[in-house]
Amino acid sequence: MTKDWLTKKITIEKALEDSKIKNANGEYEPDENLKTLISKMEEGDELWEYSSPLHSWKNLVGRGGYAIVRNGEVIKYYNNVMS
């Protein structure tokens, strides 16, 4: 995952809402892996959505998800979409 894959800065609240998945009880709750990623954030960090380039999706190796950006650099990321 590289910095040029970043597509949109997103709030933690919006990311948690967008990532909801159905649990064993049929209720929707935020993705635990995303919650773990968010727990690694420090003051001043940004949360971004990312997606690999279009050609990677066409070749069935696409990736997308969320990344923590600190001082302009990606420090951690979580793939939650793959082709």
PDB file of N, CA and C in Angstrom:
ATOM      1  N   MET A   1       0.860  -1.169   0.000  1.00  0.00           N
ATOM      2  CA  MET A   1       0.000   0.000   0.000  1.00  0.00           C
ATOM      3  C   MET A   1       0.899   1.222   0.000  1.00  0.00           C
ATOM      4  N   THR A   2       0.689   2.105  -0.938  1.00  0.00           N
ATOM      5  CA  THR A   2       1.522   3.300  -1.041  1.00  0.00           C
ATOM      6  C   THR A   2       0.672   4.560  -0.905  1.00  0.00           C
ATOM      7  N   LYS A   3       1.338   5.661  -0.605  1.00  0.00           N
ATOM      8  CA  LYS A   3       0.654   6.930  -0.358  1.00  0.00           C
ATOM      9  C   LYS A   3      -0.216   7.367  -1.538  1.00  0.00           C
ATOM     10  N   ASP A   4       0.181   7.023  -2.750  1.00  0.00           N
ATOM     11  CA  ASP A   4      -0.609   7.443  -3.911  1.00  0.00           C
ATOM     12  C   ASP A   4      -1.930   6.669  -4.034  1.00  0.00           C
ATOM     13  N   TRP A   5      -2.140   5.671  -3.211  1.00  0.00           N
ATOM     14  CA  TRP A   5      -3.413   4.955  -3.195  1.00  0.00           C
ATOM     15  C   TRP A   5      -4.464   5.672  -2.345  1.00  0.00           C
ATOM     16  N   LEU A   6      -4.067   6.645  -1.544  1.00  0.00           N
ATOM     17  CA  LEU A   6      -5.018   7.347  -0.679  1.00  0.00           C
ATOM     18  C   LEU A   6      -6.063   8.059  -1.529  1.00  0.00           C
ATOM     19  N   THR A   7      -7.332   7.898  -1.167  1.00  0.00           N
ATOM     20  CA  THR A   7      -8.403   8.486  -1.976  1.00  0.00           C
ATOM     21  C   THR A   7      -9.190   9.571  -1.257  1.00  0.00           C
ATOM     22  N   LYS A   8      -9.422   9.398   0.061  1.00  0.00           N
ATOM     23  CA  LYS A   8     -10.268  10.370   0.753  1.00  0.00           C
ATOM     24  C   LYS A   8     -10.014  10.316   2.256  1.00  0.00           C
ATOM     25  N   LYS A   9      -9.806  11.491   2.839  1.00  0.00           N
ATOM     26  CA  LYS A   9      -9.721  11.583   4.297  1.00  0.00           C
ATOM     27  C   LYS A   9     -11.123  11.351   4.859  1.00  0.00           C
ATOM     28  N   ILE A  10     -11.205  10.603   5.952  1.00  0.00           N
ATOM     29  CA  ILE A  10     -12.501  10.232   6.506  1.00  0.00           C
ATOM     30  C   ILE A  10     -12.458  10.366   8.026  1.00  0.00           C
ATOM     31  N   THR A  11     -13.596  10.688   8.618  1.00  0.00           N
ATOM     32  CA  THR A  11     -13.644  10.757  10.080  1.00  0.00           C
ATOM     33  C   THR A  11     -13.728   9.342  10.651  1.00  0.00           C
ATOM     34  N   ILE A  12     -13.294   9.208  11.878  1.00  0.00           N
ATOM     35  CA  ILE A  12     -13.389   7.914  12.554  1.00  0.00           C
ATOM     36  C   ILE A  12     -14.847   7.475  12.630  1.00  0.00           C
ATOM     37  N   GLU A  13     -15.722   8.400  12.966  1.00  0.00           N
ATOM     38  CA  GLU A  13     -17.139   8.081  13.103  1.00  0.00           C
ATOM     39  C   GLU A  13     -17.724   7.545  11.801  1.00  0.00           C
ATOM     40  N   LYS A  14     -17.404   8.196  10.688  1.00  0.00           N
ATOM     41  CA  LYS A  14     -17.917   7.769   9.380  1.00  0.00           C
ATOM     42  C   LYS A  14     -17.355   6.401   9.006  1.00  0.00           C
ATOM     43  N   ALA A  15     -16.063   6.184   9.247  1.00  0.00           N
ATOM     44  CA  ALA A  15     -15.447   4.893   8.932  1.00  0.00           C
ATOM     45  C   ALA A  15     -16.109   3.773   9.730  1.00  0.00           C
ATOM     46  N   LEU A  16     -16.339   4.001  11.011  1.00  0.00           N
ATOM     47  CA  LEU A  16     -16.981   2.980  11.843  1.00  0.00           C
ATOM     48  C   LEU A  16     -18.402   2.698  11.365  1.00  0.00           C
ATOM     49  N   GLU A  17     -19.124   3.731  10.976  1.00  0.00           N
ATOM     50  CA  GLU A  17     -20.487   3.544  10.465  1.00  0.00           C
ATOM     51  C   GLU A  17     -20.465   2.763   9.149  1.00  0.00           C
ATOM     52  N   ASP A  18     -19.563   3.127   8.251  1.00  0.00           N
ATOM     53  CA  ASP A  18     -19.489   2.482   6.935  1.00  0.00           C
ATOM     54  C   ASP A  18     -19.022   1.035   7.013  1.00  0.00           C
ATOM     55  N   SER A  19     -18.302   0.682   8.073  1.00  0.00           N
ATOM     56  CA  SER A  19     -17.700  -0.654   8.162  1.00  0.00           C
ATOM     57  C   SER A  19     -18.579  -1.670   8.878  1.00  0.00           C
ATOM     58  N   LYS A  20     -19.777  -1.289   9.247  1.00  0.00           N
ATOM     59  CA  LYS A  20     -20.612  -2.202  10.031  1.00  0.00           C
ATOM     60  C   LYS A  20     -20.889  -3.500   9.276  1.00  0.00           C
ATOM     61  N   ILE A  21     -20.747  -4.604  10.030  1.00  0.00           N
ATOM     62  CA  ILE A  21     -21.028  -5.930   9.487  1.00  0.00           C
ATOM     63  C   ILE A  21     -21.972  -6.652  10.443  1.00  0.00           C
ATOM     64  N   LYS A  22     -22.677  -7.629   9.926  1.00  0.00           N
ATOM     65  CA  LYS A  22     -23.648  -8.364  10.734  1.00  0.00           C
ATOM     66  C   LYS A  22     -22.919  -9.366  11.619  1.00  0.00           C
ATOM     67  N   ASN A  23     -23.244  -9.349  12.915  1.00  0.00           N
ATOM     68  CA  ASN A  23     -22.638 -10.304  13.842  1.00  0.00           C
ATOM     69  C   ASN A  23     -23.498 -11.569  13.927  1.00  0.00           C
ATOM     70  N   ALA A  24     -23.107 -12.496  14.792  1.00  0.00           N
ATOM     71  CA  ALA A  24     -23.809 -13.774  14.919  1.00  0.00           C
ATOM     72  C   ALA A  24     -25.253 -13.610  15.388  1.00  0.00           C
ATOM     73  N   ASN A  25     -25.553 -12.519  16.061  1.00  0.00           N
ATOM     74  CA  ASN A  25     -26.914 -12.253  16.539  1.00  0.00           C
ATOM     75  C   ASN A  25     -27.763 -11.504  15.521  1.00  0.00           C
ATOM     76  N   GLY A  26     -27.204 -11.253  14.344  1.00  0.00           N
ATOM     77  CA  GLY A  26     -27.938 -10.537  13.312  1.00  0.00           C
ATOM     78  C   GLY A  26     -27.925  -9.032  13.474  1.00  0.00           C
ATOM     79  N   GLU A  27     -27.122  -8.541  14.417  1.00  0.00           N
ATOM     80  CA  GLU A  27     -27.005  -7.102  14.638  1.00  0.00           C
ATOM     81  C   GLU A  27     -25.791  -6.577  13.893  1.00  0.00           C
ATOM     82  N   TYR A  28     -25.848  -5.302  13.529  1.00  0.00           N
ATOM     83  CA  TYR A  28     -24.731  -4.688  12.821  1.00  0.00           C
ATOM     84  C   TYR A  28     -23.833  -3.950  13.803  1.00  0.00           C
ATOM     85  N   GLU A  29     -22.530  -4.182  13.668  1.00  0.00           N
ATOM     86  CA  GLU A  29     -21.555  -3.500  14.520  1.00  0.00           C
ATOM     87  C   GLU A  29     -20.298  -3.219  13.709  1.00  0.00           C
ATOM     88  N   PRO A  30     -19.510  -2.227  14.135  1.00  0.00           N
ATOM     89  CA  PRO A  30     -18.291  -1.876  13.389  1.00  0.00           C
ATOM     90  C   PRO A  30     -17.312  -3.045  13.304  1.00  0.00           C
ATOM     91  N   ASP A  31     -16.595  -3.099  12.213  1.00  0.00           N
ATOM     92  CA  ASP A  31     -15.574  -4.112  11.955  1.00  0.00           C
ATOM     93  C   ASP A  31     -14.501  -4.054  13.051  1.00  0.00           C
ATOM     94  N   GLU A  32     -14.255  -5.172  13.707  1.00  0.00           N
ATOM     95  CA  GLU A  32     -13.267  -5.227  14.795  1.00  0.00           C
ATOM     96  C   GLU A  32     -11.860  -4.901  14.305  1.00  0.00           C
ATOM     97  N   ASN A  33     -11.522  -5.302  13.088  1.00  0.00           N
ATOM     98  CA  ASN A  33     -10.186  -5.003  12.554  1.00  0.00           C
ATOM     99  C   ASN A  33      -9.992  -3.506  12.357  1.00  0.00           C
ATOM    100  N   LEU A  34     -11.051  -2.830  11.932  1.00  0.00           N
ATOM    101  CA  LEU A  34     -10.967  -1.375  11.791  1.00  0.00           C
ATOM    102  C   LEU A  34     -10.831  -0.730  13.164  1.00  0.00           C
ATOM    103  N   LYS A  35     -11.571  -1.217  14.141  1.00  0.00           N
ATOM    104  CA  LYS A  35     -11.456  -0.677  15.498  1.00  0.00           C
ATOM    105  C   LYS A  35     -10.031  -0.845  16.029  1.00  0.00           C
ATOM    106  N   THR A  36      -9.407  -1.976  15.723  1.00  0.00           N
ATOM    107  CA  THR A  36      -8.020  -2.201  16.140  1.00  0.00           C
ATOM    108  C   THR A  36      -7.093  -1.197  15.467  1.00  0.00           C
ATOM    109  N   LEU A  37      -7.282  -0.973  14.164  1.00  0.00           N
ATOM    110  CA  LEU A  37      -6.467   0.011  13.448  1.00  0.00           C
ATOM    111  C   LEU A  37      -6.628   1.389  14.086  1.00  0.00           C
ATOM    112  N   ILE A  38      -7.851   1.792  14.334  1.00  0.00           N
ATOM    113  CA  ILE A  38      -8.123   3.109  14.914  1.00  0.00           C
ATOM    114  C   ILE A  38      -7.468   3.248  16.285  1.00  0.00           C
ATOM    115  N   SER A  39      -7.400   2.165  17.032  1.00  0.00           N
ATOM    116  CA  SER A  39      -6.789   2.222  18.370  1.00  0.00           C
ATOM    117  C   SER A  39      -5.300   2.552  18.314  1.00  0.00           C
ATOM    118  N   LYS A  40      -4.682   2.402  17.150  1.00  0.00           N
ATOM    119  CA  LYS A  40      -3.255   2.703  16.973  1.00  0.00           C
ATOM    120  C   LYS A  40      -3.009   4.169  16.634  1.00  0.00           C
ATOM    121  N   MET A  41      -4.095   4.937  16.447  1.00  0.00           N
ATOM    122  CA  MET A  41      -3.942   6.341  16.068  1.00  0.00           C
ATOM    123  C   MET A  41      -3.461   7.179  17.245  1.00  0.00           C
ATOM    124  N   GLU A  42      -2.663   8.181  16.917  1.00  0.00           N
ATOM    125  CA  GLU A  42      -2.167   9.141  17.897  1.00  0.00           C
ATOM    126  C   GLU A  42      -2.711  10.523  17.546  1.00  0.00           C
ATOM    127  N   GLU A  43      -2.607  11.446  18.490  1.00  0.00           N
ATOM    128  CA  GLU A  43      -3.070  12.809  18.244  1.00  0.00           C
ATOM    129  C   GLU A  43      -2.401  13.366  16.987  1.00  0.00           C
ATOM    130  N   GLY A  44      -3.203  13.950  16.113  1.00  0.00           N
ATOM    131  CA  GLY A  44      -2.691  14.523  14.876  1.00  0.00           C
ATOM    132  C   GLY A  44      -2.727  13.573  13.691  1.00  0.00           C
ATOM    133  N   ASP A  45      -2.949  12.274  13.938  1.00  0.00           N
ATOM    134  CA  ASP A  45      -3.051  11.308  12.843  1.00  0.00           C
ATOM    135  C   ASP A  45      -4.331  11.548  12.053  1.00  0.00           C
ATOM    136  N   GLU A  46      -4.320  11.106  10.808  1.00  0.00           N
ATOM    137  CA  GLU A  46      -5.493  11.186   9.941  1.00  0.00           C
ATOM    138  C   GLU A  46      -5.877   9.783   9.501  1.00  0.00           C
ATOM    139  N   LEU A  47      -7.168   9.562   9.320  1.00  0.00           N
ATOM    140  CA  LEU A  47      -7.673   8.304   8.793  1.00  0.00           C
ATOM    141  C   LEU A  47      -8.104   8.545   7.353  1.00  0.00           C
ATOM    142  N   TRP A  48      -7.626   7.695   6.455  1.00  0.00           N
ATOM    143  CA  TRP A  48      -7.920   7.830   5.036  1.00  0.00           C
ATOM    144  C   TRP A  48      -8.472   6.523   4.488  1.00  0.00           C
ATOM    145  N   GLU A  49      -9.324   6.639   3.467  1.00  0.00           N
ATOM    146  CA  GLU A  49      -9.695   5.488   2.650  1.00  0.00           C
ATOM    147  C   GLU A  49      -8.644   5.362   1.559  1.00  0.00           C
ATOM    148  N   TYR A  50      -8.429   4.144   1.100  1.00  0.00           N
ATOM    149  CA  TYR A  50      -7.489   3.969  -0.007  1.00  0.00           C
ATOM    150  C   TYR A  50      -7.992   2.891  -0.953  1.00  0.00           C
ATOM    151  N   SER A  51      -7.464   2.938  -2.159  1.00  0.00           N
ATOM    152  CA  SER A  51      -7.769   1.936  -3.170  1.00  0.00           C
ATOM    153  C   SER A  51      -6.565   1.799  -4.087  1.00  0.00           C
ATOM    154  N   SER A  52      -6.246   0.557  -4.425  1.00  0.00           N
ATOM    155  CA  SER A  52      -5.151   0.338  -5.371  1.00  0.00           C
ATOM    156  C   SER A  52      -5.585   0.831  -6.754  1.00  0.00           C
ATOM    157  N   PRO A  53      -4.642   1.001  -7.677  1.00  0.00           N
ATOM    158  CA  PRO A  53      -4.967   1.519  -9.012  1.00  0.00           C
ATOM    159  C   PRO A  53      -5.968   0.637  -9.770  1.00  0.00           C
ATOM    160  N   LEU A  54      -6.674   1.250 -10.705  1.00  0.00           N
ATOM    161  CA  LEU A  54      -7.705   0.566 -11.483  1.00  0.00           C
ATOM    162  C   LEU A  54      -7.194  -0.713 -12.139  1.00  0.00           C
ATOM    163  N   HIS A  55      -5.976  -0.683 -12.684  1.00  0.00           N
ATOM    164  CA  HIS A  55      -5.457  -1.877 -13.367  1.00  0.00           C
ATOM    165  C   HIS A  55      -5.358  -3.072 -12.420  1.00  0.00           C
ATOM    166  N   SER A  56      -5.124  -2.813 -11.132  1.00  0.00           N
ATOM    167  CA  SER A  56      -5.040  -3.929 -10.176  1.00  0.00           C
ATOM    168  C   SER A  56      -6.410  -4.588  -9.993  1.00  0.00           C
ATOM    169  N   TRP A  57      -7.459  -3.793 -10.030  1.00  0.00           N
ATOM    170  CA  TRP A  57      -8.804  -4.354  -9.917  1.00  0.00           C
ATOM    171  C   TRP A  57      -9.155  -5.155 -11.168  1.00  0.00           C
ATOM    172  N   LYS A  58      -8.760  -4.642 -12.320  1.00  0.00           N
ATOM    173  CA  LYS A  58      -9.032  -5.356 -13.573  1.00  0.00           C
ATOM    174  C   LYS A  58      -8.307  -6.691 -13.628  1.00  0.00           C
ATOM    175  N   ASN A  59      -7.143  -6.769 -12.966  1.00  0.00           N
ATOM    176  CA  ASN A  59      -6.351  -8.003 -12.942  1.00  0.00           C
ATOM    177  C   ASN A  59      -6.619  -8.846 -11.696  1.00  0.00           C
ATOM    178  N   LEU A  60      -7.689  -8.517 -10.986  1.00  0.00           N
ATOM    179  CA  LEU A  60      -8.142  -9.255  -9.809  1.00  0.00           C
ATOM    180  C   LEU A  60      -7.126  -9.306  -8.675  1.00  0.00           C
ATOM    181  N   VAL A  61      -6.365  -8.224  -8.530  1.00  0.00           N
ATOM    182  CA  VAL A  61      -5.433  -8.097  -7.401  1.00  0.00           C
ATOM    183  C   VAL A  61      -5.651  -6.760  -6.681  1.00  0.00           C
ATOM    184  N   GLY A  62      -6.836  -6.188  -6.828  1.00  0.00           N
ATOM    185  CA  GLY A  62      -7.144  -4.904  -6.211  1.00  0.00           C
ATOM    186  C   GLY A  62      -7.272  -5.003  -4.700  1.00  0.00           C
ATOM    187  N   ARG A  63      -6.967  -3.902  -4.040  1.00  0.00           N
ATOM    188  CA  ARG A  63      -7.049  -3.813  -2.584  1.00  0.00           C
ATOM    189  C   ARG A  63      -7.632  -2.455  -2.202  1.00  0.00           C
ATOM    190  N   GLY A  64      -8.358  -2.425  -1.120  1.00  0.00           N
ATOM    191  CA  GLY A  64      -8.878  -1.170  -0.605  1.00  0.00           C
ATOM    192  C   GLY A  64      -9.104  -1.282   0.883  1.00  0.00           C
ATOM    193  N   GLY A  65      -9.214  -0.141   1.527  1.00  0.00           N
ATOM    194  CA  GLY A  65      -9.453  -0.152   2.962  1.00  0.00           C
ATOM    195  C   GLY A  65      -9.181   1.190   3.590  1.00  0.00           C
ATOM    196  N   TYR A  66      -8.599   1.138   4.778  1.00  0.00           N
ATOM    197  CA  TYR A  66      -8.340   2.332   5.576  1.00  0.00           C
ATOM    198  C   TYR A  66      -6.870   2.391   5.947  1.00  0.00           C
ATOM    199  N   ALA A  67      -6.352   3.618   6.057  1.00  0.00           N
ATOM    200  CA  ALA A  67      -4.944   3.819   6.411  1.00  0.00           C
ATOM    201  C   ALA A  67      -4.816   4.952   7.418  1.00  0.00           C
ATOM    202  N   ILE A  68      -3.845   4.805   8.304  1.00  0.00           N
ATOM    203  CA  ILE A  68      -3.475   5.882   9.216  1.00  0.00           C
ATOM    204  C   ILE A  68      -2.328   6.645   8.578  1.00  0.00           C
ATOM    205  N   VAL A  69      -2.497   7.960   8.494  1.00  0.00           N
ATOM    206  CA  VAL A  69      -1.451   8.830   7.958  1.00  0.00           C
ATOM    207  C   VAL A  69      -0.940   9.696   9.107  1.00  0.00           C
ATOM    208  N   ARG A  70       0.374   9.639   9.297  1.00  0.00           N
ATOM    209  CA  ARG A  70       1.026  10.422  10.359  1.00  0.00           C
ATOM    210  C   ARG A  70       2.132  11.248   9.726  1.00  0.00           C
ATOM    211  N   ASN A  71       2.058  12.550   9.911  1.00  0.00           N
ATOM    212  CA  ASN A  71       3.065  13.458   9.344  1.00  0.00           C
ATOM    213  C   ASN A  71       3.246  13.225   7.844  1.00  0.00           C
ATOM    214  N   GLY A  72       2.131  12.986   7.147  1.00  0.00           N
ATOM    215  CA  GLY A  72       2.156  12.834   5.701  1.00  0.00           C
ATOM    216  C   GLY A  72       2.573  11.469   5.193  1.00  0.00           C
ATOM    217  N   GLU A  73       2.801  10.512   6.093  1.00  0.00           N
ATOM    218  CA  GLU A  73       3.229   9.170   5.687  1.00  0.00           C
ATOM    219  C   GLU A  73       2.242   8.116   6.184  1.00  0.00           C
ATOM    220  N   VAL A  74       2.006   7.101   5.365  1.00  0.00           N
ATOM    221  CA  VAL A  74       1.166   5.980   5.773  1.00  0.00           C
ATOM    222  C   VAL A  74       1.963   5.136   6.765  1.00  0.00           C
ATOM    223  N   ILE A  75       1.390   4.912   7.945  1.00  0.00           N
ATOM    224  CA  ILE A  75       2.117   4.120   8.939  1.00  0.00           C
ATOM    225  C   ILE A  75       1.483   2.759   9.198  1.00  0.00           C
ATOM    226  N   LYS A  76       0.178   2.654   9.008  1.00  0.00           N
ATOM    227  CA  LYS A  76      -0.532   1.384   9.169  1.00  0.00           C
ATOM    228  C   LYS A  76      -1.744   1.414   8.251  1.00  0.00           C
ATOM    229  N   TYR A  77      -2.173   0.219   7.836  1.00  0.00           N
ATOM    230  CA  TYR A  77      -3.364   0.146   7.001  1.00  0.00           C
ATOM    231  C   TYR A  77      -4.071  -1.178   7.217  1.00  0.00           C
ATOM    232  N   TYR A  78      -5.311  -1.222   6.775  1.00  0.00           N
ATOM    233  CA  TYR A  78      -6.144  -2.411   6.907  1.00  0.00           C
ATOM    234  C   TYR A  78      -6.894  -2.623   5.597  1.00  0.00           C
ATOM    235  N   ASN A  79      -6.661  -3.772   4.956  1.00  0.00           N
ATOM    236  CA  ASN A  79      -7.391  -4.157   3.747  1.00  0.00           C
ATOM    237  C   ASN A  79      -8.744  -4.711   4.159  1.00  0.00           C
ATOM    238  N   ASN A  80      -9.813  -4.103   3.687  1.00  0.00           N
ATOM    239  CA  ASN A  80     -11.123  -4.689   3.946  1.00  0.00           C
ATOM    240  C   ASN A  80     -11.880  -5.010   2.662  1.00  0.00           C
ATOM    241  N   VAL A  81     -11.254  -4.718   1.519  1.00  0.00           N
ATOM    242  CA  VAL A  81     -11.845  -5.034   0.219  1.00  0.00           C
ATOM    243  C   VAL A  81     -10.742  -5.585  -0.676  1.00  0.00           C
ATOM    244  N   MET A  82     -11.027  -6.717  -1.314  1.00  0.00           N
ATOM    245  CA  MET A  82     -10.070  -7.300  -2.266  1.00  0.00           C
ATOM    246  C   MET A  82     -10.840  -7.849  -3.458  1.00  0.00           C
ATOM    247  N   SER A  83     -10.211  -7.772  -4.631  1.00  0.00           N
ATOM    248  CA  SER A  83     -10.874  -8.342  -5.806  1.00  0.00           C
ATOM    249  C   SER A  83     -10.450  -9.778  -5.998  1.00  0.00           C
TER     250      SER A  83
END
